[in-house]
Amino acid sequence: MLGIHPGSLLNYWSALNELGHYSVVLSGSVEELVELLERGERFELLLVDDLGKSLHTRSLELLAWYEAIGSIIAVADANSQERQALFRWARAQRIPLLGVLQAPFRPKELARLMSLGGDGETEPREIFGGTGQ
């Protein structure tokens, strides 16, 4: 979990625990996460909070370079066109973006997206509350 707001990190940690994911690493900066990757850590999933405001796509490029993250789920306050542009960019840059959750995120939406898996063949998904997607 990558995000700069400690309160948000704790909310995500709690939600992930409720979903049965107990091995969660909370990182407050890209630099902190890079240190872990340089030490050889590997992650099945990276959940990125506040993409586009405090964290930028350049950060995702850097993290993807290590080829140690299976899938990325972004949480962003973005409209549909912005999310589609993010998907196109991720595909062109070979970023393993599994999907984008609309901020504020909802645990049920996160669970649905995580259940889709990150096998590299899965198309990115937009998941919103109340849309039935």
N, C-alpha and C. Protein backbone atom coordinates (compact mmCIF):
# COMPACT_ATOMS: atom_id res chain seq x y z
N MET A 1 0.85 -1.16 0.00
CA MET A 1 0.00 0.00 0.00
C MET A 1 0.89 1.22 0.00
N LEU A 2 0.69 2.10 -0.97
CA LEU A 2 1.48 3.32 -1.09
C LEU A 2 0.56 4.52 -1.00
N GLY A 3 0.84 5.40 -0.09
CA GLY A 3 0.07 6.63 0.07
C GLY A 3 0.75 7.54 1.06
N ILE A 4 0.52 8.83 0.94
CA ILE A 4 1.22 9.76 1.82
C ILE A 4 0.40 10.19 3.03
N HIS A 5 -0.86 9.80 3.08
CA HIS A 5 -1.73 10.20 4.19
C HIS A 5 -1.84 9.05 5.19
N PRO A 6 -1.24 9.18 6.39
CA PRO A 6 -1.26 8.08 7.37
C PRO A 6 -2.66 7.56 7.68
N GLY A 7 -3.63 8.44 7.80
CA GLY A 7 -5.00 8.00 8.09
C GLY A 7 -5.56 7.12 7.00
N SER A 8 -5.30 7.48 5.75
CA SER A 8 -5.77 6.67 4.62
C SER A 8 -5.08 5.31 4.61
N LEU A 9 -3.77 5.30 4.89
CA LEU A 9 -3.05 4.03 4.92
C LEU A 9 -3.67 3.09 5.94
N LEU A 10 -4.00 3.61 7.11
CA LEU A 10 -4.61 2.77 8.14
C LEU A 10 -5.99 2.28 7.72
N ASN A 11 -6.76 3.12 7.04
CA ASN A 11 -8.06 2.67 6.54
C ASN A 11 -7.92 1.55 5.52
N TYR A 12 -6.96 1.67 4.62
CA TYR A 12 -6.71 0.62 3.63
C TYR A 12 -6.25 -0.66 4.33
N TRP A 13 -5.34 -0.52 5.28
CA TRP A 13 -4.83 -1.68 6.02
C TRP A 13 -5.99 -2.42 6.68
N SER A 14 -6.88 -1.67 7.32
CA SER A 14 -8.03 -2.28 7.98
C SER A 14 -8.93 -2.99 6.97
N ALA A 15 -9.20 -2.33 5.84
CA ALA A 15 -10.05 -2.94 4.81
C ALA A 15 -9.42 -4.20 4.25
N LEU A 16 -8.12 -4.17 4.01
CA LEU A 16 -7.44 -5.36 3.48
C LEU A 16 -7.48 -6.50 4.49
N ASN A 17 -7.31 -6.18 5.77
CA ASN A 17 -7.42 -7.21 6.80
C ASN A 17 -8.80 -7.83 6.82
N GLU A 18 -9.84 -7.00 6.69
CA GLU A 18 -11.21 -7.52 6.66
C GLU A 18 -11.44 -8.42 5.45
N LEU A 19 -10.69 -8.19 4.37
CA LEU A 19 -10.81 -9.01 3.17
C LEU A 19 -9.92 -10.25 3.23
N GLY A 20 -9.21 -10.43 4.36
CA GLY A 20 -8.39 -11.61 4.54
C GLY A 20 -6.95 -11.46 4.10
N HIS A 21 -6.51 -10.24 3.87
CA HIS A 21 -5.11 -9.99 3.49
C HIS A 21 -4.39 -9.41 4.70
N TYR A 22 -3.54 -10.25 5.31
CA TYR A 22 -2.91 -9.86 6.57
C TYR A 22 -1.46 -9.44 6.41
N SER A 23 -0.85 -9.78 5.32
CA SER A 23 0.54 -9.38 5.08
C SER A 23 0.52 -8.13 4.22
N VAL A 24 0.45 -6.99 4.89
CA VAL A 24 0.31 -5.70 4.22
C VAL A 24 1.48 -4.82 4.62
N VAL A 25 2.14 -4.24 3.63
CA VAL A 25 3.23 -3.29 3.88
C VAL A 25 2.70 -1.90 3.57
N LEU A 26 2.77 -1.02 4.56
CA LEU A 26 2.33 0.36 4.38
C LEU A 26 3.55 1.22 4.08
N SER A 27 3.50 1.95 3.00
CA SER A 27 4.63 2.79 2.60
C SER A 27 4.14 4.22 2.40
N GLY A 28 4.83 5.16 3.04
CA GLY A 28 4.44 6.55 2.96
C GLY A 28 5.10 7.33 1.84
N SER A 29 6.00 6.68 1.10
CA SER A 29 6.67 7.39 0.00
C SER A 29 7.16 6.41 -1.04
N VAL A 30 7.34 6.92 -2.24
CA VAL A 30 7.89 6.10 -3.32
C VAL A 30 9.31 5.66 -2.96
N GLU A 31 10.07 6.56 -2.36
CA GLU A 31 11.45 6.25 -1.98
C GLU A 31 11.50 5.07 -1.01
N GLU A 32 10.60 5.05 -0.05
CA GLU A 32 10.52 3.96 0.91
C GLU A 32 10.23 2.63 0.21
N LEU A 33 9.32 2.66 -0.74
CA LEU A 33 8.97 1.45 -1.48
C LEU A 33 10.14 1.01 -2.37
N VAL A 34 10.82 1.96 -2.99
CA VAL A 34 11.99 1.63 -3.82
C VAL A 34 13.06 0.94 -2.98
N GLU A 35 13.27 1.40 -1.75
CA GLU A 35 14.24 0.74 -0.87
C GLU A 35 13.88 -0.73 -0.67
N LEU A 36 12.61 -1.01 -0.46
CA LEU A 36 12.17 -2.40 -0.29
C LEU A 36 12.42 -3.20 -1.57
N LEU A 37 12.11 -2.62 -2.71
CA LEU A 37 12.32 -3.32 -3.99
C LEU A 37 13.80 -3.57 -4.23
N GLU A 38 14.64 -2.62 -3.87
CA GLU A 38 16.08 -2.80 -4.05
C GLU A 38 16.64 -3.87 -3.13
N ARG A 39 15.97 -4.13 -2.01
CA ARG A 39 16.39 -5.21 -1.11
C ARG A 39 15.86 -6.56 -1.57
N GLY A 40 15.11 -6.56 -2.68
CA GLY A 40 14.63 -7.83 -3.21
C GLY A 40 13.20 -8.18 -2.86
N GLU A 41 12.49 -7.29 -2.20
CA GLU A 41 11.09 -7.56 -1.88
C GLU A 41 10.28 -7.65 -3.17
N ARG A 42 9.27 -8.49 -3.15
CA ARG A 42 8.35 -8.64 -4.28
C ARG A 42 6.94 -8.52 -3.72
N PHE A 43 6.04 -7.96 -4.53
CA PHE A 43 4.68 -7.74 -4.08
C PHE A 43 3.70 -8.26 -5.13
N GLU A 44 2.72 -8.99 -4.65
CA GLU A 44 1.66 -9.49 -5.53
C GLU A 44 0.79 -8.34 -6.03
N LEU A 45 0.55 -7.37 -5.15
CA LEU A 45 -0.35 -6.26 -5.47
C LEU A 45 0.16 -4.99 -4.81
N LEU A 46 0.11 -3.90 -5.56
CA LEU A 46 0.40 -2.57 -5.02
C LEU A 46 -0.87 -1.74 -5.13
N LEU A 47 -1.35 -1.26 -4.02
CA LEU A 47 -2.51 -0.38 -3.98
C LEU A 47 -1.98 1.04 -3.81
N VAL A 48 -2.26 1.91 -4.77
CA VAL A 48 -1.73 3.27 -4.78
C VAL A 48 -2.87 4.24 -4.50
N ASP A 49 -2.74 4.98 -3.40
CA ASP A 49 -3.77 5.95 -3.01
C ASP A 49 -3.47 7.32 -3.61
N ASP A 50 -4.52 8.01 -4.02
CA ASP A 50 -4.43 9.41 -4.44
C ASP A 50 -3.57 9.61 -5.69
N LEU A 51 -3.66 8.68 -6.62
CA LEU A 51 -2.87 8.80 -7.86
C LEU A 51 -3.31 10.05 -8.61
N GLY A 52 -2.35 10.81 -9.04
CA GLY A 52 -2.63 12.01 -9.81
C GLY A 52 -2.57 13.28 -9.00
N LYS A 53 -2.70 13.18 -7.70
CA LYS A 53 -2.60 14.37 -6.86
C LYS A 53 -1.25 14.38 -6.16
N SER A 54 -1.04 13.44 -5.25
CA SER A 54 0.22 13.41 -4.53
C SER A 54 1.22 12.44 -5.17
N LEU A 55 0.72 11.46 -5.89
CA LEU A 55 1.58 10.49 -6.56
C LEU A 55 1.31 10.55 -8.05
N HIS A 56 2.37 10.47 -8.83
CA HIS A 56 2.22 10.68 -10.26
C HIS A 56 2.61 9.43 -11.05
N THR A 57 2.23 9.42 -12.30
CA THR A 57 2.50 8.27 -13.15
C THR A 57 3.99 8.00 -13.26
N ARG A 58 4.83 9.02 -13.15
CA ARG A 58 6.28 8.81 -13.19
C ARG A 58 6.72 7.85 -12.09
N SER A 59 6.06 7.95 -10.93
CA SER A 59 6.36 7.05 -9.82
C SER A 59 6.03 5.61 -10.18
N LEU A 60 4.91 5.41 -10.88
CA LEU A 60 4.55 4.05 -11.29
C LEU A 60 5.55 3.49 -12.28
N GLU A 61 6.05 4.33 -13.18
CA GLU A 61 7.07 3.88 -14.13
C GLU A 61 8.31 3.39 -13.37
N LEU A 62 8.74 4.15 -12.38
CA LEU A 62 9.90 3.78 -11.59
C LEU A 62 9.67 2.45 -10.88
N LEU A 63 8.52 2.30 -10.24
CA LEU A 63 8.23 1.07 -9.50
C LEU A 63 8.11 -0.13 -10.43
N ALA A 64 7.52 0.06 -11.60
CA ALA A 64 7.36 -1.04 -12.55
C ALA A 64 8.71 -1.49 -13.11
N TRP A 65 9.68 -0.60 -13.16
CA TRP A 65 11.00 -0.93 -13.69
C TRP A 65 11.61 -2.12 -12.94
N TYR A 66 11.31 -2.26 -11.67
CA TYR A 66 11.87 -3.34 -10.85
C TYR A 66 11.27 -4.70 -11.19
N GLU A 67 10.17 -4.73 -11.91
CA GLU A 67 9.49 -5.97 -12.28
C GLU A 67 9.26 -6.88 -11.07
N ALA A 68 8.87 -6.27 -9.96
CA ALA A 68 8.67 -7.00 -8.72
C ALA A 68 7.27 -6.80 -8.15
N ILE A 69 6.38 -6.22 -8.96
CA ILE A 69 5.01 -5.97 -8.53
C ILE A 69 4.09 -6.65 -9.54
N GLY A 70 3.26 -7.57 -9.05
CA GLY A 70 2.38 -8.32 -9.94
C GLY A 70 1.30 -7.48 -10.59
N SER A 71 0.60 -6.70 -9.79
CA SER A 71 -0.49 -5.85 -10.27
C SER A 71 -0.54 -4.57 -9.46
N ILE A 72 -1.09 -3.54 -10.09
CA ILE A 72 -1.28 -2.26 -9.41
C ILE A 72 -2.75 -1.89 -9.50
N ILE A 73 -3.29 -1.49 -8.37
CA ILE A 73 -4.63 -0.91 -8.33
C ILE A 73 -4.45 0.52 -7.86
N ALA A 74 -4.98 1.46 -8.62
CA ALA A 74 -4.90 2.87 -8.26
C ALA A 74 -6.24 3.34 -7.71
N VAL A 75 -6.17 4.22 -6.74
CA VAL A 75 -7.35 4.91 -6.24
C VAL A 75 -7.17 6.36 -6.65
N ALA A 76 -8.11 6.88 -7.42
CA ALA A 76 -7.96 8.23 -7.95
C ALA A 76 -9.30 8.93 -8.03
N ASP A 77 -9.27 10.22 -7.82
CA ASP A 77 -10.45 11.04 -8.03
C ASP A 77 -10.38 11.52 -9.48
N ALA A 78 -10.83 10.66 -10.38
CA ALA A 78 -10.69 10.93 -11.81
C ALA A 78 -12.00 10.61 -12.51
N ASN A 79 -12.27 11.36 -13.57
CA ASN A 79 -13.47 11.07 -14.36
C ASN A 79 -13.17 9.92 -15.33
N SER A 80 -14.17 9.49 -16.05
CA SER A 80 -14.03 8.33 -16.94
C SER A 80 -12.96 8.55 -18.01
N GLN A 81 -12.92 9.73 -18.60
CA GLN A 81 -11.90 10.01 -19.62
C GLN A 81 -10.50 9.95 -19.04
N GLU A 82 -10.31 10.48 -17.84
CA GLU A 82 -9.00 10.45 -17.20
C GLU A 82 -8.59 9.01 -16.88
N ARG A 83 -9.54 8.20 -16.43
CA ARG A 83 -9.23 6.79 -16.14
C ARG A 83 -8.86 6.05 -17.42
N GLN A 84 -9.59 6.29 -18.50
CA GLN A 84 -9.27 5.63 -19.77
C GLN A 84 -7.88 6.05 -20.26
N ALA A 85 -7.54 7.32 -20.11
CA ALA A 85 -6.20 7.79 -20.49
C ALA A 85 -5.14 7.11 -19.65
N LEU A 86 -5.42 6.90 -18.37
CA LEU A 86 -4.49 6.21 -17.49
C LEU A 86 -4.30 4.77 -17.94
N PHE A 87 -5.38 4.09 -18.31
CA PHE A 87 -5.27 2.71 -18.81
C PHE A 87 -4.42 2.65 -20.08
N ARG A 88 -4.67 3.57 -21.01
CA ARG A 88 -3.88 3.58 -22.26
C ARG A 88 -2.41 3.82 -21.98
N TRP A 89 -2.15 4.78 -21.11
CA TRP A 89 -0.76 5.07 -20.74
C TRP A 89 -0.11 3.84 -20.10
N ALA A 90 -0.80 3.20 -19.16
CA ALA A 90 -0.25 2.04 -18.46
C ALA A 90 0.08 0.92 -19.44
N ARG A 91 -0.81 0.68 -20.38
CA ARG A 91 -0.56 -0.38 -21.37
C ARG A 91 0.67 -0.04 -22.21
N ALA A 92 0.77 1.20 -22.66
CA ALA A 92 1.90 1.62 -23.49
C ALA A 92 3.22 1.55 -22.73
N GLN A 93 3.17 1.80 -21.42
CA GLN A 93 4.38 1.79 -20.60
C GLN A 93 4.65 0.43 -19.95
N ARG A 94 3.79 -0.54 -20.22
CA ARG A 94 3.92 -1.88 -19.64
C ARG A 94 3.82 -1.85 -18.11
N ILE A 95 2.92 -1.01 -17.63
CA ILE A 95 2.64 -0.91 -16.20
C ILE A 95 1.53 -1.92 -15.89
N PRO A 96 1.71 -2.80 -14.90
CA PRO A 96 0.69 -3.82 -14.62
C PRO A 96 -0.52 -3.27 -13.87
N LEU A 97 -1.21 -2.31 -14.49
CA LEU A 97 -2.37 -1.67 -13.86
C LEU A 97 -3.59 -2.58 -14.00
N LEU A 98 -4.04 -3.12 -12.88
CA LEU A 98 -5.21 -3.99 -12.88
C LEU A 98 -6.50 -3.18 -12.96
N GLY A 99 -6.52 -2.03 -12.33
CA GLY A 99 -7.73 -1.23 -12.36
C GLY A 99 -7.60 0.07 -11.60
N VAL A 100 -8.65 0.87 -11.70
CA VAL A 100 -8.72 2.16 -11.02
C VAL A 100 -10.02 2.20 -10.22
N LEU A 101 -9.89 2.45 -8.95
CA LEU A 101 -11.05 2.62 -8.08
C LEU A 101 -11.30 4.11 -7.91
N GLN A 102 -12.55 4.49 -7.94
CA GLN A 102 -12.91 5.89 -7.72
C GLN A 102 -12.74 6.23 -6.24
N ALA A 103 -12.09 7.35 -5.96
CA ALA A 103 -11.97 7.82 -4.58
C ALA A 103 -13.28 8.48 -4.16
N PRO A 104 -13.70 8.32 -2.92
CA PRO A 104 -13.10 7.45 -1.92
C PRO A 104 -13.43 5.99 -2.20
N PHE A 105 -12.46 5.13 -1.94
CA PHE A 105 -12.64 3.72 -2.28
C PHE A 105 -13.59 3.04 -1.30
N ARG A 106 -14.18 1.96 -1.76
CA ARG A 106 -15.09 1.15 -0.95
C ARG A 106 -14.53 -0.28 -0.91
N PRO A 107 -14.47 -0.87 0.29
CA PRO A 107 -13.88 -2.21 0.41
C PRO A 107 -14.49 -3.25 -0.53
N LYS A 108 -15.81 -3.21 -0.76
CA LYS A 108 -16.43 -4.19 -1.66
C LYS A 108 -15.91 -4.05 -3.08
N GLU A 109 -15.68 -2.82 -3.52
CA GLU A 109 -15.16 -2.59 -4.86
C GLU A 109 -13.73 -3.10 -4.96
N LEU A 110 -12.95 -2.87 -3.91
CA LEU A 110 -11.58 -3.38 -3.88
C LEU A 110 -11.58 -4.90 -3.95
N ALA A 111 -12.45 -5.54 -3.19
CA ALA A 111 -12.53 -7.00 -3.20
C ALA A 111 -12.88 -7.52 -4.59
N ARG A 112 -13.83 -6.87 -5.26
CA ARG A 112 -14.22 -7.30 -6.61
C ARG A 112 -13.05 -7.19 -7.58
N LEU A 113 -12.35 -6.09 -7.51
CA LEU A 113 -11.23 -5.88 -8.42
C LEU A 113 -10.11 -6.87 -8.13
N MET A 114 -9.82 -7.09 -6.85
CA MET A 114 -8.77 -8.04 -6.49
C MET A 114 -9.12 -9.45 -6.93
N SER A 115 -10.40 -9.79 -6.96
CA SER A 115 -10.81 -11.13 -7.36
C SER A 115 -10.59 -11.38 -8.84
N LEU A 116 -10.42 -10.32 -9.61
CA LEU A 116 -10.17 -10.47 -11.05
C LEU A 116 -8.77 -10.99 -11.32
N GLY A 117 -7.89 -10.83 -10.36
CA GLY A 117 -6.53 -11.33 -10.50
C GLY A 117 -5.65 -10.43 -11.31
N GLY A 118 -4.38 -10.75 -11.30
CA GLY A 118 -3.39 -9.97 -12.02
C GLY A 118 -2.46 -10.86 -12.79
N ASP A 119 -3.01 -11.62 -13.73
CA ASP A 119 -2.21 -12.59 -14.47
C ASP A 119 -1.50 -12.00 -15.67
N GLY A 120 -1.60 -10.68 -15.85
CA GLY A 120 -0.97 -10.06 -17.00
C GLY A 120 -1.84 -10.10 -18.25
N GLU A 121 -2.87 -10.92 -18.24
CA GLU A 121 -3.76 -11.04 -19.39
C GLU A 121 -5.08 -10.31 -19.14
N THR A 122 -5.32 -9.96 -17.89
CA THR A 122 -6.57 -9.33 -17.52
C THR A 122 -6.60 -7.89 -18.00
N GLU A 123 -7.71 -7.50 -18.61
CA GLU A 123 -7.87 -6.11 -19.04
C GLU A 123 -8.08 -5.23 -17.81
N PRO A 124 -7.55 -3.99 -17.81
CA PRO A 124 -7.80 -3.08 -16.70
C PRO A 124 -9.30 -2.83 -16.55
N ARG A 125 -9.71 -2.56 -15.33
CA ARG A 125 -11.12 -2.36 -15.04
C ARG A 125 -11.34 -1.04 -14.30
N GLU A 126 -12.48 -0.45 -14.57
CA GLU A 126 -12.96 0.66 -13.77
C GLU A 126 -14.03 0.09 -12.87
N ILE A 127 -13.96 0.39 -11.60
CA ILE A 127 -14.96 -0.10 -10.67
C ILE A 127 -15.50 1.10 -9.91
N PHE A 128 -16.79 1.26 -9.92
CA PHE A 128 -17.44 2.38 -9.24
C PHE A 128 -18.52 1.82 -8.34
N GLY A 129 -18.82 2.57 -7.29
CA GLY A 129 -19.95 2.20 -6.45
C GLY A 129 -21.25 2.45 -7.20
N GLY A 130 -22.14 1.49 -7.14
CA GLY A 130 -23.48 1.68 -7.66
C GLY A 130 -23.65 1.56 -9.16
N THR A 131 -22.63 1.17 -9.91
CA THR A 131 -22.81 1.09 -11.35
C THR A 131 -23.12 -0.31 -11.82
N GLY A 132 -22.92 -1.30 -10.94
CA GLY A 132 -23.19 -2.68 -11.33
C GLY A 132 -22.13 -3.28 -12.21
N GLN A 133 -20.98 -2.61 -12.33
CA GLN A 133 -19.89 -3.16 -13.16
C GLN A 133 -19.17 -4.24 -12.42
